[in-house]
Amino acid sequence: MVLIVEDEKLLARTLSKAIREAGYKAVTVGSAEQAEKQLSGSEFGLLVVDNRLPKQSGLDLISAIRSSNENLKVILMTAFDGRDVKSEAKRLKVDRYIKKPFDLEKMLAHVTELIGGPEEEPAG
């Protein structure tokens, strides 16, 4: 399951729809606080997070959850690329660093690389 953390509603909807159409389950939230609540109660394999969020950055969110979710794969999206952001992402073991705007097909390829093929619905 994929957790998308993006406060830009159009991008969040577009990304969520594309990930679902590719066969994955996706949940979308608009803030780091909402993401922390989701992560504490569900099993997610991938976090797709924007770095610029209200109140708390994506990097702050990753830092806060890393100790309890070491195996969680992470894609960090950012429109504000910089050496500090890249070095902090590397330190936090972010799996993919993607600059906005990005190609949706490439994003889906990263999702597949990180968590494998699409999730299948249970039979029956």
Protein backbone atom coordinates (compact mmCIF):
# COMPACT_ATOMS: atom_id res chain seq x y z
CA MET A 1 0.00 0.00 0.00
CA VAL A 2 1.22 3.50 -0.88
CA LEU A 3 0.82 6.59 1.32
CA ILE A 4 0.94 9.84 -0.66
CA VAL A 5 1.61 13.02 1.32
CA GLU A 6 0.96 16.04 -0.90
CA ASP A 7 -0.83 19.30 -0.04
CA GLU A 8 -1.39 20.33 -3.68
CA LYS A 9 -4.80 18.72 -4.23
CA LEU A 10 -4.62 18.39 -8.01
CA LEU A 11 -1.21 16.68 -7.90
CA ALA A 12 -2.34 14.45 -5.03
CA ARG A 13 -5.44 13.32 -6.97
CA THR A 14 -3.49 12.80 -10.20
CA LEU A 15 -0.78 10.77 -8.50
CA SER A 16 -3.25 8.72 -6.46
CA LYS A 17 -5.33 7.92 -9.53
CA ALA A 18 -2.27 6.86 -11.55
CA ILE A 19 -0.99 4.63 -8.74
CA ARG A 20 -4.42 3.02 -8.30
CA GLU A 21 -4.81 2.49 -12.05
CA ALA A 22 -1.41 0.76 -12.01
CA GLY A 23 -2.90 -1.75 -9.55
CA TYR A 24 -1.70 -0.46 -6.18
CA LYS A 25 -3.71 0.60 -3.16
CA ALA A 26 -3.13 4.25 -2.29
CA VAL A 27 -4.11 6.59 0.53
CA THR A 28 -3.63 10.35 0.19
CA VAL A 29 -3.20 12.90 2.96
CA GLY A 30 -2.29 16.59 2.87
CA SER A 31 0.00 17.02 5.87
CA ALA A 32 2.80 15.38 7.84
CA GLU A 33 0.54 15.16 10.90
CA GLN A 34 -2.10 13.21 8.95
CA ALA A 35 0.63 10.98 7.53
CA GLU A 36 1.95 10.10 10.99
CA LYS A 37 -1.57 9.05 12.05
CA GLN A 38 -1.96 6.88 8.94
CA LEU A 39 1.46 5.29 9.36
CA SER A 40 0.80 4.36 12.99
CA GLY A 41 -2.31 2.37 12.13
CA SER A 42 -1.63 0.70 8.78
CA GLU A 43 0.94 -1.31 6.89
CA PHE A 44 2.37 0.82 4.11
CA GLY A 45 5.21 -0.35 1.88
CA LEU A 46 5.90 3.02 0.31
CA LEU A 47 5.73 6.66 1.35
CA VAL A 48 5.58 9.23 -1.47
CA VAL A 49 6.06 12.60 0.19
CA ASP A 50 6.44 16.20 -0.90
CA ASN A 51 9.16 18.06 0.97
CA ARG A 52 7.24 21.35 1.23
CA LEU A 53 4.22 20.70 3.44
CA PRO A 54 2.29 22.92 5.85
CA LYS A 55 3.89 23.16 9.33
CA GLN A 56 6.35 20.26 8.93
CA SER A 57 8.56 19.33 5.97
CA GLY A 58 8.65 15.96 4.26
CA LEU A 59 12.21 15.50 5.53
CA ASP A 60 11.01 16.19 9.09
CA LEU A 61 8.29 13.56 8.62
CA ILE A 62 10.79 11.00 7.30
CA SER A 63 13.11 11.71 10.22
CA ALA A 64 10.28 11.29 12.73
CA ILE A 65 9.11 7.94 11.35
CA ARG A 66 12.43 6.34 10.35
CA SER A 67 13.14 4.83 13.78
CA SER A 68 9.86 2.92 13.89
CA ASN A 69 9.58 2.23 10.14
CA GLU A 70 13.09 1.32 8.99
CA ASN A 71 11.87 -0.84 6.10
CA LEU A 72 9.44 1.72 4.71
CA LYS A 73 10.49 2.71 1.19
CA VAL A 74 10.45 6.46 0.57
CA ILE A 75 10.15 8.68 -2.51
CA LEU A 76 10.79 12.35 -1.76
CA MET A 77 9.35 14.89 -4.22
CA THR A 78 10.59 18.46 -4.28
CA ALA A 79 10.31 21.52 -6.49
CA PHE A 80 13.04 23.25 -4.47
CA ASP A 81 16.14 21.25 -5.23
CA GLY A 82 19.21 22.08 -3.20
CA ARG A 83 22.35 20.61 -1.74
CA ASP A 84 20.98 20.72 1.84
CA VAL A 85 17.81 18.86 0.85
CA LYS A 86 19.76 16.24 -1.11
CA SER A 87 22.26 15.62 1.70
CA GLU A 88 19.51 15.31 4.32
CA ALA A 89 17.56 12.95 2.04
CA LYS A 90 20.67 10.81 1.66
CA ARG A 91 21.26 10.80 5.42
CA LEU A 92 17.67 9.65 6.00
CA LYS A 93 18.09 6.88 3.42
CA VAL A 94 15.44 8.19 1.03
CA ASP A 95 15.11 5.60 -1.76
CA ARG A 96 14.28 8.00 -4.61
CA TYR A 97 14.66 11.77 -4.88
CA ILE A 98 12.40 13.24 -7.56
CA LYS A 99 12.37 16.83 -8.75
CA LYS A 100 9.01 18.42 -9.61
CA PRO A 101 7.61 18.58 -12.16
CA PHE A 102 8.14 14.91 -12.90
CA ASP A 103 7.05 12.41 -15.53
CA LEU A 104 4.18 10.28 -14.20
CA GLU A 105 5.40 7.16 -16.03
CA LYS A 106 8.82 7.50 -14.39
CA MET A 107 7.15 7.90 -10.99
CA LEU A 108 5.17 4.69 -11.57
CA ALA A 109 8.38 2.92 -12.60
CA HIS A 110 9.96 3.99 -9.29
CA VAL A 111 6.92 2.69 -7.38
CA THR A 112 7.22 -0.68 -9.10
CA GLU A 113 10.99 -0.84 -8.53
CA LEU A 114 10.60 -0.14 -4.82
CA ILE A 115 7.62 -2.29 -3.87
CA GLY A 116 7.29 -4.81 -6.68
CA GLY A 117 4.34 -5.57 -8.91
CA PRO A 118 0.80 -4.35 -8.33
CA GLU A 119 -1.12 -5.59 -5.32
CA GLU A 120 -3.78 -8.11 -6.16
CA GLU A 121 -7.27 -7.96 -4.74
CA PRO A 122 -8.14 -10.98 -2.60
CA ALA A 123 -10.23 -13.57 -4.42
CA GLY A 124 -13.75 -14.19 -3.45
